[in-house]
Amino acid sequence: MSARAIPTADLWYSRYTLSSNMIRSTAIDLKISAITSNTAEQHNEVYPPDPNMHFIENDSKDVASRASARKHFELEMTSRINIMYPNLPWTAPGDVHTLITSMSSGDAAVATLMDFVTRYNALAPIHILPVEILCSIFFYIVHDPRRRPARANRRLMCTSAVCNFWRRIILSHPRLWTRINILSSEHASLALERSQNVPIDVNLVCDDSRHAPPNWKPVLDHAARIATLTCSATSSILDSLLGGFPSSLPLMHTLLLKNPDINYEPEFRGTYLFRGTSIARTSMPALRKLTLEGVSLPWTLPLFRGLSYLHVQLDGVPFFFEFQTFCDVIMACPQLETLRLHNVGPDPTDADSVVLPTPISLPKLHHLELYCLAPQAFGCTTRVLSTISTIQPTAIVSITCFVSDESGLSYSSSGSDLGQLCITHDMNSYMPRLLGRLPPVCTAIYHPNSAHPTQEILNDLRAVLAELNVRQLETLVLDSVPLKVAVEALSSRDAGVLKELKMQNVPRDGTEEEMDGYLEILKRLVADVEVHFAYVWRTTSMN
């Protein structure tokens, strides 16, 4: 057994829970008998290996017998180390590993200890498990999605050092070597070889580098086996990688390209628009999941077809394109399950977007996330929603549109209940159409611009309520809205099933009698009314 196959100190310590009393008593007896002998050969003669202990990894003996045999080896190894090192403090049994590996491999006593270690590990309870189950356990170690490939592979290497049996399993199963971290050049070369012909997952994260890794091209020699490609790199590296993409990636089902180093200024938008690279000619017939963060590719490319997961995110300056192109992509992805768009989408000013097409059915869509911060935010989001015929009630939906830092709309639904809508400050010309296309709203929150005239606040609130489904709206929250405005807005509509009205920061813009009168009217319109007036600071002068 080689030194590499011996457990580390921590692993050894976890396997050796020794009884200190038994160790001391056994060691004392052994030391007395060893006084007459000073050579390693004599030590070996005093404690010859038990010829009857022929346990191997797949030994069929019962659990109790294996445990008893392991205890025998524990005592044997500890006793021998005590004899060879009588002054060694036994406060850390894990030091056994360090001692054995530091000894001369030609020493007969050391050879005996090594044999004991091998047989002790072979008797571990986990070796009763079939090889198939062990492989599944090891697979989850290396393919844990919470761990980056580099760390997952280090865990695999540590696991392979536990014993010969585990090592043979790990080295002989290709699926355990399919997570390839390109930056770890030695492991990458080894993994490419040991993964044989099975599909591989390639990972490249070099956010702080300006040059592509030298082993990128050798990895591309295995393009026919790449199933997942994750690349997070600067613009210069991405430009180099995308420019050298292979002509065919037949097994690739997941592609993630991320640029964490984009510039937010409009004149630098070209740094994340990769248009002339060879990826435009790459065939990826199996691609189903596409994620682009800080990277924008032409939506006319074939890789935008047949997707079940599409996530495009551009922080900073938004990117809008032709509405018909967006419709073509959605129509070409009838099995789409997740759609996430951040600061990207159809151009609301496109002349072709005036006439809306027939909505497209996406029956499997269960996650929709739209985010846009731009003057055209409402128009872009409205165009996206108008393209989809129906959003399932169980879908998880998150919509955020802001035309400025202080004026916008947000909607969220967890899929298990009706959604919550929040409108801040000004109404927008697109807002009525956008409200009409939202999924059901259970709770609506309205924050008007308190600096606006009362009549304008009333008109905006009426416009909001007119577009919402009154039969599903249950809770209405008004912030900084006068009582008179709330009375007039709710009196002019069917209250539906509105159960609760919450008003906060209500201005005191009338007499106490007028305020009480408005409250009585609201209580007749809504079953549960809660009102909190704005706090008014009063100052007094001292004469």
Protein backbone atom coordinates (compact mmCIF):
# COMPACT_ATOMS: atom_id res chain seq x y z
CA MET A 1 0.00 0.00 0.00
CA SER A 2 1.48 3.34 -1.00
CA ALA A 3 1.69 6.33 1.29
CA ARG A 4 -0.88 8.16 -0.82
CA ALA A 5 -3.45 5.48 -0.05
CA ILE A 6 -3.16 5.97 3.72
CA PRO A 7 -5.79 8.20 5.29
CA THR A 8 -4.93 11.70 6.34
CA ALA A 9 -4.56 12.43 10.05
CA ASP A 10 -8.09 13.78 10.34
CA LEU A 11 -9.63 10.81 8.56
CA TRP A 12 -7.56 8.41 10.62
CA TYR A 13 -8.63 10.07 13.84
CA SER A 14 -12.27 9.73 12.87
CA ARG A 15 -11.78 6.00 12.30
CA TYR A 16 -9.82 5.32 15.50
CA THR A 17 -11.85 5.83 18.67
CA LEU A 18 -9.54 4.01 21.01
CA SER A 19 -10.19 3.12 24.63
CA SER A 20 -7.30 4.66 26.57
CA ASN A 21 -7.52 2.14 29.43
CA MET A 22 -7.31 -0.81 27.09
CA ILE A 23 -4.41 0.76 25.24
CA ARG A 24 -2.44 1.41 28.42
CA SER A 25 -2.97 -2.07 29.87
CA THR A 26 -2.14 -3.79 26.61
CA ALA A 27 0.89 -1.59 26.00
CA ILE A 28 2.28 -2.30 29.49
CA ASP A 29 2.06 -6.06 28.97
CA LEU A 30 3.64 -5.79 25.56
CA LYS A 31 6.46 -3.54 26.76
CA ILE A 32 7.37 -6.04 29.51
CA SER A 33 7.70 -8.85 27.01
CA ALA A 34 9.60 -6.60 24.60
CA ILE A 35 12.33 -5.76 27.14
CA THR A 36 14.21 -8.90 26.10
CA SER A 37 14.33 -7.81 22.48
CA ASN A 38 15.74 -4.65 20.85
CA THR A 39 15.60 -5.32 17.11
CA ALA A 40 12.82 -4.71 14.64
CA GLU A 41 12.94 -8.38 13.67
CA GLN A 42 12.35 -9.40 17.28
CA HIS A 43 9.43 -6.96 17.54
CA ASN A 44 7.95 -8.64 14.52
CA GLU A 45 8.44 -12.09 16.01
CA VAL A 46 6.73 -11.10 19.24
CA TYR A 47 3.62 -10.06 17.31
CA PRO A 48 3.46 -11.99 14.04
CA PRO A 49 0.54 -11.26 11.72
CA ASP A 50 -2.44 -13.47 12.41
CA PRO A 51 -2.68 -15.87 9.45
CA ASN A 52 -6.35 -16.42 10.18
CA MET A 53 -7.26 -12.77 9.56
CA HIS A 54 -7.87 -12.92 5.79
CA PHE A 55 -10.44 -10.17 5.46
CA ILE A 56 -10.82 -8.42 2.14
CA GLU A 57 -13.03 -5.57 0.99
CA ASN A 58 -16.00 -7.70 0.00
CA ASP A 59 -15.79 -10.11 2.93
CA SER A 60 -19.22 -11.58 3.61
CA LYS A 61 -18.79 -11.99 7.38
CA ASP A 62 -21.40 -10.40 9.58
CA VAL A 63 -21.11 -6.89 10.96
CA ALA A 64 -20.24 -8.02 14.48
CA SER A 65 -17.35 -10.17 13.28
CA ARG A 66 -15.96 -7.34 11.18
CA ALA A 67 -16.21 -4.93 14.12
CA SER A 68 -14.39 -7.39 16.37
CA ALA A 69 -11.65 -7.84 13.80
CA ARG A 70 -11.26 -4.07 13.46
CA LYS A 71 -10.85 -3.76 17.24
CA HIS A 72 -8.16 -6.46 17.08
CA PHE A 73 -6.23 -4.46 14.48
CA GLU A 74 -6.66 -1.26 16.47
CA LEU A 75 -5.03 -2.82 19.52
CA GLU A 76 -2.30 -4.49 17.47
CA MET A 77 -1.29 -1.28 15.71
CA THR A 78 -1.42 0.84 18.85
CA SER A 79 0.58 -1.70 20.83
CA ARG A 80 3.29 -1.95 18.20
CA ILE A 81 3.65 1.82 17.99
CA ASN A 82 3.86 1.97 21.80
CA ILE A 83 6.71 -0.52 21.76
CA MET A 84 8.59 1.22 18.98
CA TYR A 85 8.02 4.66 20.54
CA PRO A 86 7.61 4.10 24.31
CA ASN A 87 7.81 7.79 25.17
CA LEU A 88 5.19 8.93 22.68
CA PRO A 89 2.16 10.62 24.37
CA TRP A 90 -1.08 8.95 23.26
CA THR A 91 -3.25 12.00 23.26
CA ALA A 92 -3.69 11.99 19.49
CA PRO A 93 -4.21 8.56 17.91
CA GLY A 94 -4.17 10.24 14.51
CA ASP A 95 -0.37 10.50 14.83
CA VAL A 96 -0.23 6.83 13.86
CA HIS A 97 -0.55 7.83 10.22
CA THR A 98 2.31 10.33 10.45
CA LEU A 99 4.54 7.81 12.18
CA ILE A 100 3.95 5.04 9.68
CA THR A 101 4.56 7.24 6.64
CA SER A 102 7.79 8.57 8.18
CA MET A 103 9.23 5.09 8.74
CA SER A 104 11.45 3.25 6.33
CA SER A 105 9.33 1.14 4.01
CA GLY A 106 11.96 -1.62 4.12
CA ASP A 107 11.51 -2.19 7.83
CA ALA A 108 9.71 -5.46 8.56
CA ALA A 109 7.83 -3.95 11.48
CA VAL A 110 6.62 -1.10 9.29
CA ALA A 111 5.53 -3.56 6.61
CA THR A 112 3.45 -5.36 9.20
CA LEU A 113 1.83 -2.10 10.29
CA MET A 114 1.07 -1.25 6.69
CA ASP A 115 -0.58 -4.63 6.28
CA PHE A 116 -2.67 -4.00 9.38
CA VAL A 117 -3.73 -0.60 8.05
CA THR A 118 -4.84 -2.12 4.76
CA ARG A 119 -6.87 -4.84 6.43
CA TYR A 120 -8.30 -2.45 9.02
CA ASN A 121 -9.61 -0.16 6.29
CA ALA A 122 -10.97 -3.12 4.35
CA LEU A 123 -13.12 -4.05 7.34
CA ALA A 124 -14.82 -0.65 7.54
CA PRO A 125 -18.63 -0.94 7.68
CA ILE A 126 -19.05 1.07 4.50
CA HIS A 127 -17.31 -1.68 2.53
CA ILE A 128 -20.37 -3.86 3.03
CA LEU A 129 -22.17 -1.59 0.55
CA PRO A 130 -22.26 -2.67 -3.10
CA VAL A 131 -19.89 -0.86 -5.42
CA GLU A 132 -22.83 0.73 -7.26
CA ILE A 133 -24.07 2.44 -4.09
CA LEU A 134 -20.59 3.65 -3.20
CA CYS A 135 -20.25 5.10 -6.69
CA SER A 136 -23.52 6.98 -6.26
CA ILE A 137 -22.28 8.42 -2.96
CA PHE A 138 -19.00 9.51 -4.54
CA PHE A 139 -20.90 10.98 -7.48
CA TYR A 140 -22.84 13.30 -5.18
CA ILE A 141 -19.59 14.35 -3.52
CA VAL A 142 -18.07 15.58 -6.75
CA HIS A 143 -21.29 16.79 -8.39
CA ASP A 144 -22.62 18.76 -5.42
CA PRO A 145 -24.06 21.90 -7.09
CA ARG A 146 -23.22 23.95 -4.00
CA ARG A 147 -19.51 23.38 -4.56
CA ARG A 148 -17.36 24.83 -7.29
CA PRO A 149 -15.62 22.20 -9.46
CA ALA A 150 -12.18 22.94 -7.98
CA ARG A 151 -13.36 22.28 -4.44
CA ALA A 152 -15.49 19.30 -5.44
CA ASN A 153 -12.51 17.70 -7.13
CA ARG A 154 -10.34 18.28 -4.06
CA ARG A 155 -12.96 16.47 -2.00
CA LEU A 156 -12.82 13.61 -4.48
CA MET A 157 -9.03 13.38 -4.16
CA CYS A 158 -9.29 13.32 -0.36
CA THR A 159 -11.90 10.59 -0.58
CA SER A 160 -9.65 8.52 -2.84
CA ALA A 161 -6.95 8.61 -0.14
CA VAL A 162 -9.07 6.82 2.46
CA CYS A 163 -8.19 3.29 1.37
CA ASN A 164 -7.19 1.16 -1.61
CA PHE A 165 -10.73 -0.04 -2.13
CA TRP A 166 -12.17 3.46 -2.42
CA ARG A 167 -9.26 4.55 -4.55
CA ARG A 168 -9.79 1.72 -7.05
CA ILE A 169 -13.48 2.60 -7.31
CA ILE A 170 -12.82 6.31 -7.85
CA LEU A 171 -10.08 5.77 -10.42
CA SER A 172 -12.09 3.26 -12.41
CA HIS A 173 -15.40 5.12 -12.81
CA PRO A 174 -15.40 7.80 -15.55
CA ARG A 175 -18.51 9.61 -14.28
CA LEU A 176 -16.57 10.74 -11.19
CA TRP A 177 -14.14 12.70 -13.39
CA THR A 178 -16.56 14.69 -15.51
CA ARG A 179 -16.38 18.07 -13.69
CA ILE A 180 -13.38 19.72 -15.29
CA ASN A 181 -11.92 22.95 -13.95
CA ILE A 182 -9.76 24.39 -16.73
CA LEU A 183 -7.69 26.58 -14.41
CA SER A 184 -6.47 23.45 -12.63
CA SER A 185 -4.36 22.29 -15.56
CA GLU A 186 -3.00 19.08 -14.01
CA HIS A 187 -6.37 17.87 -12.83
CA ALA A 188 -8.01 18.94 -16.10
CA SER A 189 -5.64 16.79 -18.15
CA LEU A 190 -6.10 13.88 -15.77
CA ALA A 191 -9.90 14.25 -15.77
CA LEU A 192 -10.08 14.41 -19.56
CA GLU A 193 -8.25 11.09 -19.67
CA ARG A 194 -10.10 9.32 -16.87
CA SER A 195 -13.56 10.47 -17.97
CA GLN A 196 -12.96 8.36 -21.09
CA ASN A 197 -15.88 8.87 -23.50
CA VAL A 198 -18.65 10.05 -21.17
CA PRO A 199 -20.08 13.61 -21.38
CA ILE A 200 -18.12 16.23 -19.43
CA ASP A 201 -18.92 19.51 -17.65
CA VAL A 202 -16.32 22.19 -18.36
CA ASN A 203 -15.84 25.15 -16.01
CA LEU A 204 -13.70 28.24 -16.55
CA VAL A 205 -13.77 31.06 -14.00
CA CYS A 206 -10.98 33.61 -14.51
CA ASP A 207 -12.53 36.92 -13.52
CA ASP A 208 -9.19 38.45 -12.54
CA SER A 209 -7.20 37.41 -15.59
CA ARG A 210 -6.67 39.10 -18.96
CA HIS A 211 -5.51 36.10 -20.94
CA ALA A 212 -7.20 32.85 -21.86
CA PRO A 213 -5.74 29.75 -20.14
CA PRO A 214 -3.32 27.79 -22.35
CA ASN A 215 -5.18 24.49 -21.93
CA TRP A 216 -8.45 25.86 -23.37
CA LYS A 217 -7.71 24.57 -26.87
CA PRO A 218 -6.87 21.01 -25.70
CA VAL A 219 -10.24 20.96 -23.95
CA LEU A 220 -11.94 21.91 -27.20
CA ASP A 221 -10.46 18.77 -28.74
CA HIS A 222 -13.10 17.00 -26.65
CA ALA A 223 -15.91 19.26 -27.92
CA ALA A 224 -18.00 16.26 -28.92
CA ARG A 225 -18.24 15.28 -25.22
CA ILE A 226 -18.95 18.70 -23.66
CA ALA A 227 -22.43 18.66 -22.10
CA THR A 228 -22.14 21.77 -19.92
CA LEU A 229 -19.93 24.81 -20.41
CA THR A 230 -19.66 27.50 -17.73
CA CYS A 231 -17.39 30.43 -18.52
CA SER A 232 -16.99 33.55 -16.38
CA ALA A 233 -14.28 35.82 -17.74
CA THR A 234 -13.43 39.35 -18.83
CA SER A 235 -14.36 40.77 -22.22
CA SER A 236 -10.96 40.07 -23.78
CA ILE A 237 -11.01 36.40 -22.75
CA LEU A 238 -14.62 35.92 -23.81
CA ASP A 239 -13.88 37.48 -27.18
CA SER A 240 -11.00 35.04 -27.64
CA LEU A 241 -13.02 32.01 -26.51
CA LEU A 242 -16.10 32.85 -28.55
CA GLY A 243 -13.90 33.50 -31.56
CA GLY A 244 -12.47 30.00 -31.32
CA PHE A 245 -15.64 28.04 -30.67
CA PRO A 246 -15.80 24.61 -32.34
CA SER A 247 -18.11 24.10 -35.26
CA SER A 248 -20.19 21.51 -33.43
CA LEU A 249 -21.11 20.78 -29.81
CA PRO A 250 -23.55 17.91 -30.31
CA LEU A 251 -24.09 17.03 -26.62
CA MET A 252 -24.08 20.49 -25.06
CA HIS A 253 -27.34 21.10 -23.20
CA THR A 254 -26.25 23.93 -20.86
CA LEU A 255 -24.25 27.06 -21.74
CA LEU A 256 -23.43 29.88 -19.30
CA LEU A 257 -21.36 32.89 -20.38
CA LYS A 258 -20.69 35.63 -17.86
CA ASN A 259 -18.72 38.86 -18.08
CA PRO A 260 -18.32 40.43 -14.61
CA ASP A 261 -16.18 43.28 -15.96
CA ILE A 262 -18.59 45.17 -18.23
CA ASN A 263 -18.61 48.97 -18.41
CA TYR A 264 -21.86 50.72 -17.60
CA GLU A 265 -21.43 53.71 -19.90
CA PRO A 266 -23.45 53.79 -23.15
CA GLU A 267 -20.40 54.29 -25.35
CA PHE A 268 -18.91 51.04 -24.03
CA ARG A 269 -21.95 48.91 -24.80
CA GLY A 270 -19.92 47.18 -27.51
CA THR A 271 -17.80 45.51 -24.83
CA TYR A 272 -20.56 43.01 -24.18
CA LEU A 273 -22.10 42.70 -27.63
CA PHE A 274 -20.25 39.84 -29.30
CA ARG A 275 -21.49 39.74 -32.86
CA GLY A 276 -18.73 38.55 -35.18
CA THR A 277 -17.48 35.53 -33.24
CA SER A 278 -17.46 31.94 -34.44
CA ILE A 279 -20.11 30.88 -31.90
CA ALA A 280 -22.59 32.24 -34.44
CA ARG A 281 -21.76 29.25 -36.65
CA THR A 282 -21.59 26.62 -33.91
CA SER A 283 -24.17 23.85 -34.06
CA MET A 284 -25.68 23.03 -30.64
CA PRO A 285 -28.76 20.89 -31.36
CA ALA A 286 -29.10 19.65 -27.75
CA LEU A 287 -28.89 23.10 -26.10
CA ARG A 288 -31.75 23.63 -23.63
CA LYS A 289 -30.38 26.01 -20.98
CA LEU A 290 -28.81 29.32 -22.01
CA THR A 291 -27.53 31.95 -19.55
CA LEU A 292 -25.87 35.18 -20.68
CA GLU A 293 -24.79 37.64 -17.97
CA GLY A 294 -23.02 40.76 -19.18
CA VAL A 295 -22.85 39.10 -22.59
CA SER A 296 -25.21 39.82 -25.46
CA LEU A 297 -25.40 37.70 -28.56
CA PRO A 298 -27.69 38.29 -31.55
CA TRP A 299 -31.11 36.82 -30.80
CA THR A 300 -31.29 35.63 -34.39
CA LEU A 301 -28.67 32.92 -33.71
CA PRO A 302 -29.82 29.28 -33.80
CA LEU A 303 -28.79 28.79 -30.15
CA PHE A 304 -31.88 30.83 -29.15
CA ARG A 305 -34.12 28.04 -30.46
CA GLY A 306 -35.61 25.05 -28.64
CA LEU A 307 -34.72 26.31 -25.15
CA SER A 308 -36.38 25.37 -21.87
CA TYR A 309 -34.37 27.90 -19.83
CA LEU A 310 -33.39 31.39 -21.01
CA HIS A 311 -31.67 33.97 -18.81
CA VAL A 312 -30.17 37.14 -20.30
CA GLN A 313 -28.93 39.84 -17.93
CA LEU A 314 -27.30 43.16 -18.78
CA ASP A 315 -26.53 45.41 -15.84
CA GLY A 316 -26.26 49.08 -16.63
CA VAL A 317 -27.31 50.22 -20.09
CA PRO A 318 -30.33 48.22 -21.38
CA PHE A 319 -30.39 46.61 -24.80
CA PHE A 320 -33.55 46.59 -26.92
CA PHE A 321 -34.01 44.83 -30.25
CA GLU A 322 -36.73 44.25 -32.83
CA PHE A 323 -40.05 43.06 -31.48
CA GLN A 324 -40.49 40.51 -34.27
CA THR A 325 -37.14 38.92 -33.39
CA PHE A 326 -38.32 38.45 -29.80
CA CYS A 327 -41.58 36.89 -30.99
CA ASP A 328 -39.64 34.51 -33.25
CA VAL A 329 -37.52 33.34 -30.30
CA ILE A 330 -40.53 32.74 -28.05
CA MET A 331 -42.33 30.88 -30.83
CA ALA A 332 -39.24 28.71 -31.36
CA CYS A 333 -39.18 27.74 -27.65
CA PRO A 334 -42.61 26.15 -27.02
CA GLN A 335 -41.21 24.09 -24.10
CA LEU A 336 -39.85 27.16 -22.29
CA GLU A 337 -40.02 26.71 -18.50
CA THR A 338 -37.95 29.67 -17.25
CA LEU A 339 -37.63 33.14 -18.78
CA ARG A 340 -35.46 35.73 -17.03
CA LEU A 341 -34.72 39.05 -18.74
CA HIS A 342 -32.78 41.88 -17.05
CA ASN A 343 -32.50 45.15 -18.96
CA VAL A 344 -33.03 43.42 -22.28
CA GLY A 345 -36.11 42.86 -24.42
CA PRO A 346 -38.18 44.04 -27.38
CA ASP A 347 -37.97 47.70 -28.33
CA PRO A 348 -41.32 49.41 -27.53
CA THR A 349 -40.58 52.12 -30.11
CA ASP A 350 -40.24 49.57 -32.90
CA ALA A 351 -42.82 50.37 -35.58
CA ASP A 352 -43.65 46.68 -35.97
CA SER A 353 -44.60 46.45 -32.29
CA VAL A 354 -47.65 48.69 -32.77
CA VAL A 355 -49.67 45.73 -34.04
CA LEU A 356 -49.44 42.98 -31.43
CA PRO A 357 -49.22 39.40 -32.74
CA THR A 358 -51.35 36.51 -31.64
CA PRO A 359 -50.16 35.55 -28.12
CA ILE A 360 -47.96 32.47 -27.98
CA SER A 361 -48.80 29.55 -25.70
CA LEU A 362 -46.10 28.53 -23.19
CA PRO A 363 -47.88 25.82 -21.16
CA LYS A 364 -44.73 24.80 -19.23
CA LEU A 365 -43.65 28.29 -18.16
CA HIS A 366 -43.34 28.19 -14.36
CA HIS A 367 -40.80 30.97 -13.70
CA LEU A 368 -40.98 34.45 -15.23
CA GLU A 369 -38.63 37.21 -14.13
CA LEU A 370 -38.56 40.61 -15.85
CA TYR A 371 -36.45 43.55 -14.71
CA CYS A 372 -35.91 46.83 -16.51
CA LEU A 373 -34.64 50.23 -15.39
CA ALA A 374 -35.05 52.61 -18.33
CA PRO A 375 -37.49 55.21 -19.65
CA GLN A 376 -38.87 52.45 -21.92
CA ALA A 377 -39.26 49.96 -19.06
CA PHE A 378 -43.08 49.86 -19.06
CA GLY A 379 -43.27 49.56 -22.82
CA CYS A 380 -40.69 46.77 -23.00
CA THR A 381 -42.34 44.76 -20.22
CA THR A 382 -45.78 45.24 -21.78
CA ARG A 383 -44.45 43.84 -25.06
CA VAL A 384 -43.05 40.76 -23.33
CA LEU A 385 -46.30 40.04 -21.48
CA SER A 386 -48.37 40.60 -24.61
CA THR A 387 -46.38 37.87 -26.35
CA ILE A 388 -47.37 35.20 -23.82
CA SER A 389 -50.96 34.04 -24.07
CA THR A 390 -51.47 32.84 -20.47
CA ILE A 391 -49.32 32.72 -17.35
CA GLN A 392 -50.23 29.73 -15.20
CA PRO A 393 -51.58 30.56 -11.69
CA THR A 394 -48.89 28.37 -10.14
CA ALA A 395 -46.03 30.18 -11.89
CA ILE A 396 -43.43 32.13 -9.93
CA VAL A 397 -43.51 35.66 -11.33
CA SER A 398 -41.32 38.68 -10.57
CA ILE A 399 -41.72 41.91 -12.56
CA THR A 400 -39.85 45.14 -11.83
CA CYS A 401 -40.14 48.23 -14.03
CA PHE A 402 -38.71 51.60 -13.13
CA VAL A 403 -38.56 54.59 -15.45
CA SER A 404 -36.46 56.37 -12.81
CA ASP A 405 -35.05 55.64 -9.38
CA GLU A 406 -38.29 56.84 -7.75
CA SER A 407 -41.06 55.92 -10.18
CA GLY A 408 -41.99 52.42 -11.13
CA LEU A 409 -43.92 49.22 -10.59
CA SER A 410 -43.14 45.86 -9.06
CA TYR A 411 -45.17 42.64 -9.03
CA SER A 412 -44.41 39.32 -7.38
CA SER A 413 -46.15 36.00 -6.98
CA SER A 414 -44.70 32.95 -5.27
CA GLY A 415 -46.88 30.58 -7.23
CA SER A 416 -48.78 29.36 -4.17
CA ASP A 417 -50.89 32.49 -3.73
CA LEU A 418 -52.10 35.53 -5.64
CA GLY A 419 -49.64 38.26 -6.44
CA GLN A 420 -48.67 41.51 -4.79
CA LEU A 421 -48.45 44.74 -6.77
CA CYS A 422 -46.62 47.90 -5.72
CA ILE A 423 -46.83 51.18 -7.66
CA THR A 424 -44.61 54.10 -6.74
CA HIS A 425 -45.19 57.72 -7.78
CA ASP A 426 -46.23 58.66 -11.30
CA MET A 427 -48.50 56.78 -13.64
CA ASN A 428 -47.09 56.02 -17.08
CA SER A 429 -48.87 55.96 -20.42
CA TYR A 430 -48.00 52.26 -20.72
CA MET A 431 -49.07 51.42 -17.16
CA PRO A 432 -52.80 50.79 -17.82
CA ARG A 433 -51.92 48.29 -20.55
CA LEU A 434 -49.28 46.69 -18.34
CA LEU A 435 -51.68 46.35 -15.40
CA GLY A 436 -54.22 44.69 -17.66
CA ARG A 437 -51.71 41.98 -18.60
CA LEU A 438 -50.47 41.14 -15.11
CA PRO A 439 -51.41 37.84 -13.46
CA PRO A 440 -54.02 38.06 -10.66
CA VAL A 441 -53.33 40.65 -7.96
CA CYS A 442 -54.38 39.92 -4.38
CA THR A 443 -52.64 42.84 -2.66
CA ALA A 444 -52.06 46.26 -4.23
CA ILE A 445 -49.85 48.97 -2.71
CA TYR A 446 -49.96 52.50 -4.07
CA HIS A 447 -47.42 55.23 -3.24
CA PRO A 448 -48.34 58.44 -5.12
CA ASN A 449 -46.15 61.48 -5.41
CA SER A 450 -47.40 63.53 -2.47
CA ALA A 451 -46.25 66.72 -4.20
CA HIS A 452 -48.86 66.24 -6.94
CA PRO A 453 -52.28 67.94 -6.75
CA THR A 454 -55.05 65.99 -5.04
CA GLN A 455 -57.05 65.65 -8.26
CA GLU A 456 -54.08 64.12 -10.07
CA ILE A 457 -53.58 61.58 -7.28
CA LEU A 458 -57.28 60.70 -7.50
CA ASN A 459 -57.14 60.24 -11.28
CA ASP A 460 -54.09 57.99 -11.02
CA LEU A 461 -55.65 55.86 -8.28
CA ARG A 462 -58.84 55.46 -10.30
CA ALA A 463 -56.77 54.39 -13.32
CA VAL A 464 -54.99 51.75 -11.25
CA LEU A 465 -58.20 50.33 -9.77
CA ALA A 466 -59.91 50.32 -13.16
CA GLU A 467 -57.31 47.92 -14.60
CA LEU A 468 -57.17 45.50 -11.68
CA ASN A 469 -59.51 42.54 -11.40
CA VAL A 470 -61.82 43.68 -8.59
CA ARG A 471 -63.02 40.12 -8.02
CA GLN A 472 -59.53 39.04 -6.94
CA LEU A 473 -58.17 42.13 -5.18
CA GLU A 474 -58.49 41.54 -1.42
CA THR A 475 -56.15 44.06 0.22
CA LEU A 476 -55.45 47.66 -0.78
CA VAL A 477 -52.64 49.63 0.86
CA LEU A 478 -52.52 53.40 0.29
CA ASP A 479 -49.53 55.46 1.37
CA SER A 480 -49.81 59.27 1.71
CA VAL A 481 -53.27 59.30 0.10
CA PRO A 482 -55.89 61.72 1.55
CA LEU A 483 -59.03 60.15 3.02
CA LYS A 484 -61.18 62.12 0.59
CA VAL A 485 -59.30 60.64 -2.39
CA ALA A 486 -59.73 57.10 -1.07
CA VAL A 487 -63.47 57.66 -0.55
CA GLU A 488 -64.01 59.01 -4.06
CA ALA A 489 -61.86 56.32 -5.72
CA LEU A 490 -63.55 53.42 -3.94
CA SER A 491 -67.06 54.86 -4.23
CA SER A 492 -66.78 55.04 -8.01
CA ARG A 493 -66.00 51.32 -8.45
CA ASP A 494 -67.36 47.94 -7.50
CA ALA A 495 -65.61 47.05 -4.26
CA GLY A 496 -65.68 43.40 -5.30
CA VAL A 497 -64.21 41.15 -2.60
CA LEU A 498 -61.99 43.87 -1.11
CA LYS A 499 -61.57 42.73 2.49
CA GLU A 500 -59.01 45.10 3.87
CA LEU A 501 -57.98 48.72 3.41
CA LYS A 502 -54.78 49.97 5.03
CA MET A 503 -53.92 53.65 4.91
CA GLN A 504 -50.65 55.01 6.26
CA ASN A 505 -49.11 58.47 6.42
CA VAL A 506 -52.56 59.93 5.77
CA PRO A 507 -52.37 63.74 5.59
CA ARG A 508 -54.69 65.73 7.86
CA ASP A 509 -56.23 67.98 5.22
CA GLY A 510 -59.61 68.68 6.83
CA THR A 511 -61.43 69.17 10.09
CA GLU A 512 -61.92 66.40 12.63
CA GLU A 513 -65.59 66.15 11.64
CA GLU A 514 -64.65 65.72 7.97
CA MET A 515 -62.05 63.06 8.83
CA ASP A 516 -64.58 61.13 10.91
CA GLY A 517 -67.13 61.34 8.10
CA TYR A 518 -64.69 59.92 5.54
CA LEU A 519 -63.81 57.09 7.91
CA GLU A 520 -67.46 56.13 8.31
CA ILE A 521 -67.90 55.98 4.53
CA LEU A 522 -64.78 53.82 4.12
CA LYS A 523 -66.02 51.39 6.77
CA ARG A 524 -69.23 50.95 4.81
CA LEU A 525 -67.24 50.22 1.63
CA VAL A 526 -64.66 47.87 3.16
CA ALA A 527 -65.07 45.46 6.06
CA ASP A 528 -61.68 46.07 7.67
CA VAL A 529 -60.25 49.60 7.62
CA GLU A 530 -56.98 50.61 9.26
CA VAL A 531 -55.86 54.26 9.16
CA HIS A 532 -52.65 55.84 10.43
CA PHE A 533 -52.30 59.58 10.09
CA ALA A 534 -49.03 61.28 9.27
CA TYR A 535 -47.19 62.69 12.23
CA VAL A 536 -47.15 66.46 12.25
CA TRP A 537 -44.23 68.20 13.85
CA ARG A 538 -45.24 71.18 15.92
CA THR A 539 -42.88 73.88 17.11
CA THR A 540 -43.56 76.40 19.84
CA SER A 541 -41.79 79.66 20.33
CA MET A 542 -40.65 80.69 23.78
CA ASN A 543 -41.10 84.31 24.73
